[in-house]
Amino acid sequence: MGNLAFAAEITDSGTLERAVAHLREAGVCLPTLSQLANPSSIPESAKASLAKVGSDEVHPANLWRVHWYNDDARRDVAPVPRHIELPEAITGVKARIVVALGDRFPMIRAHKVLAAYGCLVQRLVTGRFDPRNHRAVWPSTGNYCRGGVAISRIIGCRGVAVLPEGMSRERFDWLERWVTDASDIVRTPGTESNVKEIYDECAVQAREHNTVVLNQFSEFGNYLAHYRCTGEAMSRIYTSLEAASPGLRLAAFVSATGSAGTLAAGDLLKSRHGARIAAVEALECPTMLSNGYGEHNIQGIGDKHIPLIHNVMNTDVVIGVSDEGSDSLNLLFNSATGASYLHERHKVDPDLLEALTGVGISGWANVIGAIKLAKHYRLGANDVVLTVATDSAAMYGSERERYVRRIHPNGFDVLRAAETFGRSLQGIAPDHLLELTHADRSRIFNLGYYTWVEQQGVPLDAFESRRDPSFWTALQASANAWDQLIDRFNERTGVVSK
């Protein structure tokens, strides 16, 4: 893995000792990746402590909830990660499109808290982060920085959120409740597509004394946490479906690129079940499809660049999705008018409509991408397409209000609900979909050069090393070594759950 990904070895024993002392005092026990991938292995003492702690509290016990298996109440562990299967009445395809729900995660109700933990824990247990003296800077388009702030609060360090000023109001409302100082919310110019401006601000922040930037787009702890934990969770969902209906096939895993962390789950699903890996991006900013650029509102999938942690050479399909589709479905499924229309005209079960409030804007973009893929490959009733909803509709009430003012100034009535259903669901076409050849993968891989080598100073040989599958297999194989370091760290703090 060269000098890109951290090796599972201690680099600064003095910093490590200070981190150990700090977490001992704070009473923090760090879960291993294996425990978060398989919560049934969580120690009984940790489970007992969770019974007394709310899932949104700033409490060390909530680290044991940073996994996909939280039940609907977010109190206990479910045998299978919570998910929704969309009926043909909604998707218009026979393929079984299944959406894993990220809003069951603690504190931020989004699975990005797992990525944040995966990044910081690697630094803690190797002596790369001193929580008593270091600031943790979390660059993001909204959910990862919230996850970072939550993890920072739990371990007792200062966390700084860096995100575009144009993101949803709900993100900032949450941050204002959670940061310890208002100056720890740093707003950068632009919206979803302005990732370069986030990087520029991080360069400024990094010049401050005792500052550590945990850039989700280049932190391989993000990749490894999702490969090990999200990958296992998605596999568990699929195997539960297959057990109930023998003969199913996992046709694909579909996920918007974002930081490309979630896409790491596809690497596990491909090796274990033969699934295609499909990366979704905004059609208004078609970076992978056509080296393009632009602005869009699919919040959570920052782009105009190729993340360093994206295993491009293992990606099979790229799908362009317009933000018009995800914005309109955010309104259709989260308005009284839309819900009434869907139930009365298309017989969508009210319980399913209630469950679908767990799908946010980027989740709807993933669903659209999954439908496009199913139509392109003409998938049938024995084909499963897995995707994820990072967060829920609760994060986008302000975006619905803005969309109504812009698109439906005279109100959103039943006629407009029907038009939205026909255009944004039944009218989905398998267009703007590219099956990647080796040449296509190489082109997309090469695009990353401009961000990571020219702008961010990654050595060219290290950048190039990611073309080789052995880079990624070595990274995946390092999970056990990281777990051993976490176990040793917990032994040293004495805060060990048995």
Protein backbone atom coordinates (compact mmCIF):
# COMPACT_ATOMS: atom_id res chain seq x y z
CA MET A 1 0.00 0.00 0.00
CA GLY A 2 3.06 2.20 -0.07
CA ASN A 3 2.77 5.62 1.57
CA LEU A 4 -0.92 6.19 0.82
CA ALA A 5 -2.75 4.08 3.41
CA PHE A 6 -1.65 3.96 7.03
CA ALA A 7 0.20 0.85 8.08
CA ALA A 8 -1.20 -0.87 11.17
CA GLU A 9 1.81 0.03 13.29
CA ILE A 10 2.58 2.57 16.01
CA THR A 11 4.36 5.67 14.75
CA ASP A 12 4.59 7.86 17.87
CA SER A 13 4.61 6.16 21.26
CA GLY A 14 4.36 9.46 23.16
CA THR A 15 1.22 10.53 21.31
CA LEU A 16 -0.17 7.04 21.78
CA GLU A 17 0.38 7.20 25.55
CA ARG A 18 -1.46 10.53 25.74
CA ALA A 19 -4.35 9.12 23.71
CA VAL A 20 -4.51 6.06 25.98
CA ALA A 21 -4.57 8.22 29.09
CA HIS A 22 -7.26 10.47 27.64
CA LEU A 23 -9.61 7.67 26.62
CA ARG A 24 -9.03 5.91 29.95
CA GLU A 25 -10.17 9.07 31.71
CA ALA A 26 -13.13 9.47 29.34
CA GLY A 27 -14.16 5.83 29.81
CA VAL A 28 -14.08 5.09 26.08
CA CYS A 29 -13.73 1.54 24.75
CA LEU A 30 -13.14 1.37 20.99
CA PRO A 31 -15.09 -1.23 18.99
CA THR A 32 -13.16 -3.28 16.46
CA LEU A 33 -14.21 -3.39 12.82
CA SER A 34 -15.15 -7.04 13.29
CA GLN A 35 -17.50 -6.17 16.12
CA LEU A 36 -19.18 -3.45 14.05
CA ALA A 37 -19.41 -5.83 11.10
CA ASN A 38 -20.98 -8.50 13.31
CA PRO A 39 -22.71 -6.86 16.31
CA SER A 40 -23.63 -10.24 17.80
CA SER A 41 -19.96 -10.38 18.83
CA ILE A 42 -20.22 -7.17 20.87
CA PRO A 43 -19.41 -7.95 24.52
CA GLU A 44 -22.36 -8.46 26.84
CA SER A 45 -21.17 -5.69 29.16
CA ALA A 46 -21.27 -3.23 26.24
CA LYS A 47 -24.79 -4.36 25.34
CA ALA A 48 -25.84 -3.86 28.95
CA SER A 49 -24.49 -0.32 29.00
CA LEU A 50 -26.44 0.51 25.84
CA ALA A 51 -29.74 -0.27 27.54
CA LYS A 52 -29.30 2.87 29.64
CA VAL A 53 -28.16 5.21 26.83
CA GLY A 54 -30.25 6.97 24.20
CA SER A 55 -29.04 6.56 20.63
CA ASP A 56 -28.49 10.31 20.19
CA GLU A 57 -26.63 10.95 23.43
CA VAL A 58 -23.00 12.05 23.61
CA HIS A 59 -21.94 8.89 25.41
CA PRO A 60 -19.07 6.42 24.82
CA ALA A 61 -21.54 3.52 24.71
CA ASN A 62 -22.94 4.84 21.43
CA LEU A 63 -19.76 3.80 19.65
CA TRP A 64 -21.17 0.26 19.93
CA ARG A 65 -24.13 1.40 17.81
CA VAL A 66 -22.00 2.56 14.87
CA HIS A 67 -23.19 -0.32 12.69
CA TRP A 68 -25.96 -1.27 10.24
CA TYR A 69 -27.86 -3.61 12.57
CA ASN A 70 -29.70 -1.13 14.80
CA ASP A 71 -33.43 -1.87 14.97
CA ASP A 72 -36.12 0.65 14.08
CA ALA A 73 -36.08 2.13 17.57
CA ARG A 74 -32.25 2.32 17.41
CA ARG A 75 -32.03 0.62 20.80
CA ASP A 76 -31.40 -3.06 20.09
CA VAL A 77 -29.64 -5.17 17.47
CA ALA A 78 -31.72 -6.54 14.60
CA PRO A 79 -30.77 -9.92 13.06
CA VAL A 80 -30.67 -8.36 9.58
CA PRO A 81 -29.85 -4.71 8.75
CA ARG A 82 -33.01 -2.67 8.25
CA HIS A 83 -33.95 -2.37 4.61
CA ILE A 84 -36.86 -1.77 2.26
CA GLU A 85 -37.74 -3.76 -0.83
CA LEU A 86 -39.45 -1.58 -3.42
CA PRO A 87 -42.43 -3.11 -5.24
CA GLU A 88 -42.88 -3.11 -8.99
CA ALA A 89 -45.74 -0.62 -8.52
CA ILE A 90 -43.08 1.94 -7.61
CA THR A 91 -40.06 0.86 -9.67
CA GLY A 92 -41.73 -0.38 -12.83
CA VAL A 93 -39.28 -3.30 -12.98
CA LYS A 94 -39.50 -6.93 -11.87
CA ALA A 95 -36.02 -6.93 -10.33
CA ARG A 96 -35.94 -6.82 -6.53
CA ILE A 97 -34.56 -3.40 -5.67
CA VAL A 98 -33.55 -3.33 -2.01
CA VAL A 99 -32.55 -0.21 -0.08
CA ALA A 100 -30.49 -0.43 3.13
CA LEU A 101 -31.47 2.31 5.59
CA GLY A 102 -28.67 4.46 6.97
CA ASP A 103 -30.93 6.49 9.26
CA ARG A 104 -30.76 3.77 11.94
CA PHE A 105 -27.20 4.82 12.82
CA PRO A 106 -26.77 6.71 16.11
CA MET A 107 -26.35 10.43 16.71
CA ILE A 108 -26.50 11.64 13.10
CA ARG A 109 -29.03 9.18 11.61
CA ALA A 110 -26.71 8.57 8.67
CA HIS A 111 -24.12 5.89 7.97
CA LYS A 112 -21.31 8.43 7.53
CA VAL A 113 -20.67 8.19 11.26
CA LEU A 114 -19.16 4.77 10.48
CA ALA A 115 -16.76 6.36 7.99
CA ALA A 116 -15.76 9.01 10.53
CA TYR A 117 -15.05 6.39 13.17
CA GLY A 118 -13.06 4.29 10.69
CA CYS A 119 -10.84 7.26 9.88
CA LEU A 120 -10.19 8.48 13.41
CA VAL A 121 -9.67 5.10 15.07
CA GLN A 122 -6.70 4.36 12.80
CA ARG A 123 -5.00 7.52 13.95
CA LEU A 124 -5.83 7.00 17.63
CA VAL A 125 -4.40 3.49 17.94
CA THR A 126 -1.17 4.24 16.04
CA GLY A 127 -0.16 7.43 17.86
CA ARG A 128 -1.16 9.78 15.05
CA PHE A 129 -3.82 11.67 17.01
CA ASP A 130 -3.70 13.19 20.49
CA PRO A 131 -7.28 13.99 21.56
CA ARG A 132 -6.05 16.30 24.30
CA ASN A 133 -4.12 18.53 21.93
CA HIS A 134 -5.25 17.92 18.34
CA ARG A 135 -8.19 19.42 16.50
CA ALA A 136 -9.94 17.01 14.12
CA VAL A 137 -11.03 18.74 10.90
CA TRP A 138 -13.78 16.95 8.99
CA PRO A 139 -14.24 18.09 5.34
CA SER A 140 -17.57 17.05 3.89
CA THR A 141 -20.72 17.97 2.02
CA GLY A 142 -22.75 17.39 5.14
CA ASN A 143 -23.07 13.96 6.74
CA TYR A 144 -19.43 12.94 7.19
CA CYS A 145 -18.61 16.16 9.02
CA ARG A 146 -21.61 15.58 11.29
CA GLY A 147 -20.33 12.07 11.96
CA GLY A 148 -16.90 13.48 12.67
CA VAL A 149 -18.25 16.03 15.13
CA ALA A 150 -20.24 13.29 16.90
CA ILE A 151 -17.20 10.99 17.21
CA SER A 152 -15.08 13.95 18.34
CA ARG A 153 -17.55 14.81 21.10
CA ILE A 154 -17.59 11.21 22.34
CA ILE A 155 -13.81 10.90 22.62
CA GLY A 156 -13.51 14.44 24.01
CA CYS A 157 -11.57 16.28 21.35
CA ARG A 158 -12.34 19.38 19.31
CA GLY A 159 -14.04 18.63 16.01
CA VAL A 160 -14.30 21.15 13.16
CA ALA A 161 -16.89 20.72 10.39
CA VAL A 162 -16.02 22.08 6.95
CA LEU A 163 -18.89 22.06 4.44
CA PRO A 164 -20.39 24.19 1.63
CA GLU A 165 -22.64 27.02 2.72
CA GLY A 166 -25.37 25.92 0.30
CA MET A 167 -26.13 22.59 1.97
CA SER A 168 -29.50 21.90 3.60
CA ARG A 169 -30.52 23.97 6.58
CA GLU A 170 -31.05 20.82 8.63
CA ARG A 171 -27.34 19.96 8.44
CA PHE A 172 -26.40 23.30 9.94
CA ASP A 173 -29.16 23.07 12.58
CA TRP A 174 -27.69 19.76 13.73
CA LEU A 175 -24.14 21.08 13.76
CA GLU A 176 -25.14 24.13 15.78
CA ARG A 177 -26.53 21.84 18.47
CA TRP A 178 -23.46 19.60 18.55
CA VAL A 179 -20.35 21.73 18.20
CA THR A 180 -18.82 23.17 21.35
CA ASP A 181 -17.93 26.45 19.65
CA ALA A 182 -19.76 28.16 16.77
CA SER A 183 -16.42 28.79 15.04
CA ASP A 184 -16.10 25.02 14.58
CA ILE A 185 -18.62 25.21 11.72
CA VAL A 186 -16.71 26.46 8.67
CA ARG A 187 -18.81 27.31 5.62
CA THR A 188 -17.10 27.19 2.24
CA PRO A 189 -18.36 28.75 -1.02
CA GLY A 190 -20.83 26.92 -3.22
CA THR A 191 -22.84 23.75 -2.90
CA GLU A 192 -22.52 20.04 -3.59
CA SER A 193 -20.06 20.24 -6.47
CA ASN A 194 -17.61 22.63 -4.82
CA VAL A 195 -15.26 20.06 -3.31
CA LYS A 196 -12.11 21.90 -4.41
CA GLU A 197 -13.16 24.84 -2.23
CA ILE A 198 -13.44 22.43 0.72
CA TYR A 199 -9.91 21.21 0.07
CA ASP A 200 -8.63 24.79 -0.10
CA GLU A 201 -10.16 25.56 3.28
CA CYS A 202 -8.64 22.41 4.74
CA ALA A 203 -5.22 23.58 3.58
CA VAL A 204 -5.82 26.78 5.55
CA GLN A 205 -7.01 24.84 8.60
CA ALA A 206 -4.01 22.51 8.42
CA ARG A 207 -1.67 25.46 8.98
CA GLU A 208 -3.13 25.91 12.44
CA HIS A 209 -1.15 24.37 15.31
CA ASN A 210 -2.05 20.77 16.26
CA THR A 211 -4.58 20.29 13.49
CA VAL A 212 -5.31 16.95 11.81
CA VAL A 213 -7.43 16.92 8.64
CA LEU A 214 -9.37 13.70 8.14
CA ASN A 215 -10.27 13.96 4.48
CA GLN A 216 -12.86 11.29 3.73
CA PHE A 217 -11.98 11.39 0.02
CA SER A 218 -8.41 10.25 0.70
CA GLU A 219 -8.55 8.47 4.09
CA PHE A 220 -8.35 4.75 3.48
CA GLY A 221 -9.88 4.13 6.90
CA ASN A 222 -13.11 5.22 5.21
CA TYR A 223 -12.69 2.55 2.53
CA LEU A 224 -11.76 -0.17 5.03
CA ALA A 225 -14.66 0.54 7.41
CA HIS A 226 -17.15 0.30 4.57
CA TYR A 227 -15.50 -2.74 2.98
CA ARG A 228 -15.50 -4.61 6.27
CA CYS A 229 -18.74 -3.34 7.86
CA THR A 230 -21.03 -2.07 5.10
CA GLY A 231 -19.95 -4.89 2.80
CA GLU A 232 -20.81 -7.53 5.42
CA ALA A 233 -24.13 -5.80 6.18
CA MET A 234 -25.14 -5.76 2.51
CA SER A 235 -24.09 -9.40 2.17
CA ARG A 236 -26.24 -10.28 5.18
CA ILE A 237 -29.27 -8.57 3.61
CA TYR A 238 -28.76 -10.48 0.39
CA THR A 239 -28.25 -13.87 2.05
CA SER A 240 -31.41 -13.35 4.12
CA LEU A 241 -33.36 -12.73 0.91
CA GLU A 242 -31.75 -15.71 -0.80
CA ALA A 243 -32.55 -17.97 2.14
CA ALA A 244 -36.23 -17.04 1.83
CA SER A 245 -36.21 -17.30 -1.98
CA PRO A 246 -33.57 -19.78 -3.18
CA GLY A 247 -32.28 -19.11 -6.66
CA LEU A 248 -31.84 -15.36 -6.32
CA ARG A 249 -28.83 -13.66 -7.87
CA LEU A 250 -27.14 -10.51 -6.59
CA ALA A 251 -27.00 -8.64 -9.87
CA ALA A 252 -25.47 -5.37 -8.67
CA PHE A 253 -24.57 -3.02 -5.87
CA VAL A 254 -25.43 0.59 -6.72
CA SER A 255 -24.09 3.61 -4.84
CA ALA A 256 -23.46 7.26 -5.56
CA THR A 257 -19.77 8.05 -5.55
CA GLY A 258 -19.53 10.72 -2.87
CA SER A 259 -16.25 9.97 -1.13
CA ALA A 260 -16.41 6.46 -2.69
CA GLY A 261 -16.32 4.96 0.80
CA THR A 262 -19.68 3.19 0.46
CA LEU A 263 -18.62 1.84 -2.94
CA ALA A 264 -16.01 -0.23 -1.07
CA ALA A 265 -18.86 -2.51 -0.02
CA GLY A 266 -19.19 -3.38 -3.70
CA ASP A 267 -15.67 -4.83 -3.71
CA LEU A 268 -16.70 -7.35 -1.06
CA LEU A 269 -20.03 -8.11 -2.76
CA LYS A 270 -18.32 -8.60 -6.11
CA SER A 271 -15.72 -11.02 -4.75
CA ARG A 272 -18.24 -12.95 -2.64
CA HIS A 273 -21.39 -12.92 -4.77
CA GLY A 274 -20.30 -11.81 -8.25
CA ALA A 275 -22.25 -8.53 -8.10
CA ARG A 276 -21.59 -5.72 -10.54
CA ILE A 277 -20.46 -2.44 -8.98
CA ALA A 278 -22.37 0.59 -10.29
CA ALA A 279 -21.33 4.14 -9.40
CA VAL A 280 -23.97 6.88 -9.59
CA GLU A 281 -23.17 10.52 -10.29
CA ALA A 282 -25.21 13.64 -11.02
CA LEU A 283 -26.07 14.09 -14.67
CA GLU A 284 -25.60 17.82 -14.15
CA CYS A 285 -21.97 17.14 -13.25
CA PRO A 286 -20.96 14.09 -15.35
CA THR A 287 -17.36 13.71 -14.25
CA MET A 288 -17.01 9.96 -14.79
CA LEU A 289 -19.32 9.81 -17.79
CA SER A 290 -17.76 12.57 -19.85
CA ASN A 291 -15.04 14.39 -17.89
CA GLY A 292 -17.72 16.98 -17.19
CA TYR A 293 -18.49 19.55 -14.54
CA GLY A 294 -21.43 21.54 -13.24
CA GLU A 295 -23.73 22.12 -10.27
CA HIS A 296 -26.45 19.91 -8.81
CA ASN A 297 -28.48 19.26 -5.67
CA ILE A 298 -28.01 15.54 -4.95
CA GLN A 299 -26.63 16.40 -1.54
CA GLY A 300 -24.02 13.99 -0.23
CA ILE A 301 -22.23 13.07 -3.48
CA GLY A 302 -19.66 15.85 -3.88
CA ASP A 303 -17.91 15.59 -7.20
CA LYS A 304 -15.93 17.24 -10.05
CA HIS A 305 -13.12 14.93 -8.98
CA ILE A 306 -12.33 11.24 -8.50
CA PRO A 307 -11.80 10.26 -4.84
CA LEU A 308 -8.42 8.77 -4.02
CA ILE A 309 -10.12 5.87 -2.24
CA HIS A 310 -12.29 4.90 -5.24
CA ASN A 311 -11.21 1.51 -6.59
CA VAL A 312 -11.93 2.68 -10.12
CA MET A 313 -10.40 -0.32 -11.88
CA ASN A 314 -12.94 -2.60 -10.18
CA THR A 315 -16.02 -0.50 -11.05
CA ASP A 316 -18.29 -1.94 -13.74
CA VAL A 317 -20.93 0.67 -14.52
CA VAL A 318 -21.39 4.44 -14.27
CA ILE A 319 -24.93 5.84 -14.16
CA GLY A 320 -25.90 9.49 -14.54
CA VAL A 321 -28.95 10.64 -12.54
CA SER A 322 -30.50 14.11 -12.74
CA ASP A 323 -31.15 16.02 -9.54
CA GLU A 324 -34.58 16.81 -10.96
CA GLY A 325 -35.48 13.18 -10.33
CA SER A 326 -34.21 12.97 -6.76
CA ASP A 327 -35.65 16.38 -5.80
CA SER A 328 -39.06 15.51 -7.23
CA LEU A 329 -39.20 12.11 -5.49
CA ASN A 330 -38.14 13.76 -2.23
CA LEU A 331 -41.33 15.83 -2.56
CA LEU A 332 -43.60 13.09 -3.90
CA PHE A 333 -42.88 10.64 -1.07
CA ASN A 334 -42.77 13.24 1.70
CA SER A 335 -45.88 15.31 1.14
CA ALA A 336 -49.43 14.53 2.17
CA THR A 337 -50.57 15.04 -1.42
CA GLY A 338 -47.96 12.68 -2.81
CA ALA A 339 -48.58 9.98 -0.20
CA SER A 340 -52.32 10.14 -0.77
CA TYR A 341 -51.87 9.85 -4.53
CA LEU A 342 -49.48 6.89 -4.24
CA HIS A 343 -51.80 5.03 -1.88
CA GLU A 344 -55.09 5.71 -3.66
CA ARG A 345 -53.95 5.50 -7.28
CA HIS A 346 -51.13 2.92 -7.09
CA LYS A 347 -52.16 1.02 -3.94
CA VAL A 348 -48.82 1.60 -2.22
CA ASP A 349 -49.14 0.33 1.34
CA PRO A 350 -49.22 3.13 3.97
CA ASP A 351 -46.64 1.28 6.08
CA LEU A 352 -44.28 1.23 3.10
CA LEU A 353 -44.88 4.93 2.52
CA GLU A 354 -44.01 5.57 6.15
CA ALA A 355 -40.85 3.47 5.81
CA LEU A 356 -39.82 5.39 2.70
CA THR A 357 -39.45 8.57 4.73
CA GLY A 358 -36.15 6.89 5.64
CA VAL A 359 -34.85 7.67 2.15
CA GLY A 360 -33.18 11.05 1.57
CA ILE A 361 -32.21 12.84 -1.63
CA SER A 362 -29.09 10.81 -2.38
CA GLY A 363 -31.02 7.65 -1.53
CA TRP A 364 -33.57 8.47 -4.23
CA ALA A 365 -30.73 9.11 -6.66
CA ASN A 366 -29.45 5.62 -5.85
CA VAL A 367 -32.91 4.14 -6.40
CA ILE A 368 -33.18 5.85 -9.79
CA GLY A 369 -29.75 4.48 -10.66
CA ALA A 370 -30.83 0.99 -9.59
CA ILE A 371 -33.96 1.18 -11.78
CA LYS A 372 -31.88 2.35 -14.75
CA LEU A 373 -29.51 -0.55 -14.26
CA ALA A 374 -32.36 -3.05 -13.97
CA LYS A 375 -33.90 -1.77 -17.21
CA HIS A 376 -30.57 -1.70 -19.04
CA TYR A 377 -29.77 -5.32 -18.19
CA ARG A 378 -33.43 -6.41 -18.39
CA LEU A 379 -33.20 -7.94 -14.95
CA GLY A 380 -35.94 -10.28 -13.80
CA ALA A 381 -37.69 -11.34 -10.62
CA ASN A 382 -34.73 -13.48 -9.47
CA ASP A 383 -32.30 -10.56 -9.67
CA VAL A 384 -31.49 -8.44 -6.61
CA VAL A 385 -30.10 -4.93 -6.87
CA LEU A 386 -28.81 -3.60 -3.55
CA THR A 387 -28.40 0.08 -2.82
CA VAL A 388 -28.33 2.40 0.22
CA ALA A 389 -30.07 5.43 1.64
CA THR A 390 -27.36 7.31 3.50
CA ASP A 391 -29.83 9.46 5.41
CA SER A 392 -33.55 10.16 5.62
CA ALA A 393 -36.02 12.73 4.36
CA ALA A 394 -35.78 14.46 7.74
CA MET A 395 -32.58 16.13 6.53
CA TYR A 396 -34.29 17.77 3.55
CA GLY A 397 -37.45 19.56 4.65
CA SER A 398 -35.88 22.87 3.67
CA GLU A 399 -34.97 21.44 0.26
CA ARG A 400 -38.57 20.38 -0.32
CA GLU A 401 -39.73 23.90 0.52
CA ARG A 402 -37.22 25.38 -1.89
CA TYR A 403 -38.17 22.91 -4.62
CA VAL A 404 -41.87 23.73 -4.29
CA ARG A 405 -41.17 27.47 -4.53
CA ARG A 406 -39.07 26.93 -7.64
CA ILE A 407 -41.03 24.26 -9.52
CA HIS A 408 -44.56 24.37 -8.08
CA PRO A 409 -45.17 28.01 -7.08
CA ASN A 410 -48.94 27.48 -7.33
CA GLY A 411 -48.86 24.43 -5.11
CA PHE A 412 -48.27 20.69 -5.37
CA ASP A 413 -51.63 19.08 -6.11
CA VAL A 414 -52.75 15.61 -7.18
CA LEU A 415 -52.26 16.38 -10.86
CA ARG A 416 -48.66 17.42 -10.24
CA ALA A 417 -48.14 14.33 -8.08
CA ALA A 418 -49.31 12.18 -10.99
CA GLU A 419 -47.03 14.03 -13.38
CA THR A 420 -44.10 13.52 -11.00
CA PHE A 421 -44.82 9.80 -10.67
CA GLY A 422 -45.03 9.37 -14.44
CA ARG A 423 -41.94 11.42 -15.22
CA SER A 424 -39.61 10.61 -12.32
CA LEU A 425 -40.47 6.94 -11.74
CA GLN A 426 -42.41 5.25 -14.54
CA GLY A 427 -40.61 7.40 -17.11
CA ILE A 428 -37.10 6.40 -16.01
CA ALA A 429 -35.11 5.38 -19.07
CA PRO A 430 -31.88 3.33 -19.09
CA ASP A 431 -29.98 6.29 -20.50
CA HIS A 432 -26.73 7.93 -19.41
CA LEU A 433 -25.43 4.49 -18.40
CA LEU A 434 -21.96 3.34 -19.36
CA GLU A 435 -20.65 -0.21 -19.07
CA LEU A 436 -16.98 0.37 -18.36
CA THR A 437 -14.30 -1.10 -20.58
CA HIS A 438 -10.68 -1.17 -19.50
CA ALA A 439 -10.14 2.03 -21.49
CA ASP A 440 -13.08 3.70 -19.71
CA ARG A 441 -11.72 2.71 -16.31
CA SER A 442 -8.30 4.04 -17.22
CA ARG A 443 -9.78 7.34 -18.37
CA ILE A 444 -11.67 7.77 -15.09
CA PHE A 445 -8.64 6.71 -13.06
CA ASN A 446 -6.49 9.25 -14.89
CA LEU A 447 -8.89 12.07 -14.01
CA GLY A 448 -7.83 11.70 -10.40
CA TYR A 449 -4.31 12.83 -11.30
CA TYR A 450 -5.30 16.48 -11.44
CA THR A 451 -6.76 16.52 -7.93
CA TRP A 452 -4.37 14.26 -6.10
CA VAL A 453 -0.99 14.67 -7.77
CA GLU A 454 -1.15 18.22 -9.15
CA GLN A 455 -3.27 19.87 -6.43
CA GLN A 456 -2.84 17.76 -3.29
CA GLY A 457 0.76 16.60 -3.78
CA VAL A 458 0.30 12.83 -3.70
CA PRO A 459 3.47 11.23 -5.14
CA LEU A 460 2.89 9.93 -8.65
CA ASP A 461 4.12 6.41 -7.88
CA ALA A 462 1.77 6.19 -4.89
CA PHE A 463 -1.13 7.46 -7.00
CA GLU A 464 -0.35 4.90 -9.71
CA SER A 465 -0.09 2.01 -7.24
CA ARG A 466 -3.90 2.06 -6.94
CA ARG A 467 -4.26 0.65 -10.47
CA ASP A 468 -3.01 -2.72 -9.26
CA PRO A 469 -5.63 -4.98 -7.61
CA SER A 470 -2.97 -6.04 -5.11
CA PHE A 471 -3.11 -2.56 -3.53
CA TRP A 472 -6.76 -3.11 -2.64
CA THR A 473 -6.45 -6.73 -1.57
CA ALA A 474 -3.62 -5.77 0.80
CA LEU A 475 -5.77 -2.97 2.19
CA GLN A 476 -8.70 -5.34 2.71
CA ALA A 477 -6.46 -7.91 4.38
CA SER A 478 -5.23 -5.31 6.88
CA ALA A 479 -8.56 -5.30 8.77
CA ASN A 480 -7.44 -7.99 11.22
CA ALA A 481 -4.22 -6.13 12.02
CA TRP A 482 -6.23 -2.99 12.78
CA ASP A 483 -8.53 -4.96 15.07
CA GLN A 484 -5.51 -6.27 16.96
CA LEU A 485 -4.23 -2.72 17.46
CA ILE A 486 -7.65 -1.62 18.71
CA ASP A 487 -7.74 -4.53 21.16
CA ARG A 488 -4.28 -3.66 22.47
CA PHE A 489 -5.27 -0.01 22.83
CA ASN A 490 -8.33 -1.00 24.88
CA GLU A 491 -6.19 -3.25 27.07
CA ARG A 492 -3.90 -0.31 27.79
CA THR A 493 -6.76 2.02 28.70
CA GLY A 494 -8.29 -0.64 30.91
CA VAL A 495 -11.71 0.25 29.51
CA VAL A 496 -12.27 -3.23 28.13
CA SER A 497 -15.74 -4.67 27.74
CA LYS A 498 -15.70 -8.44 28.35
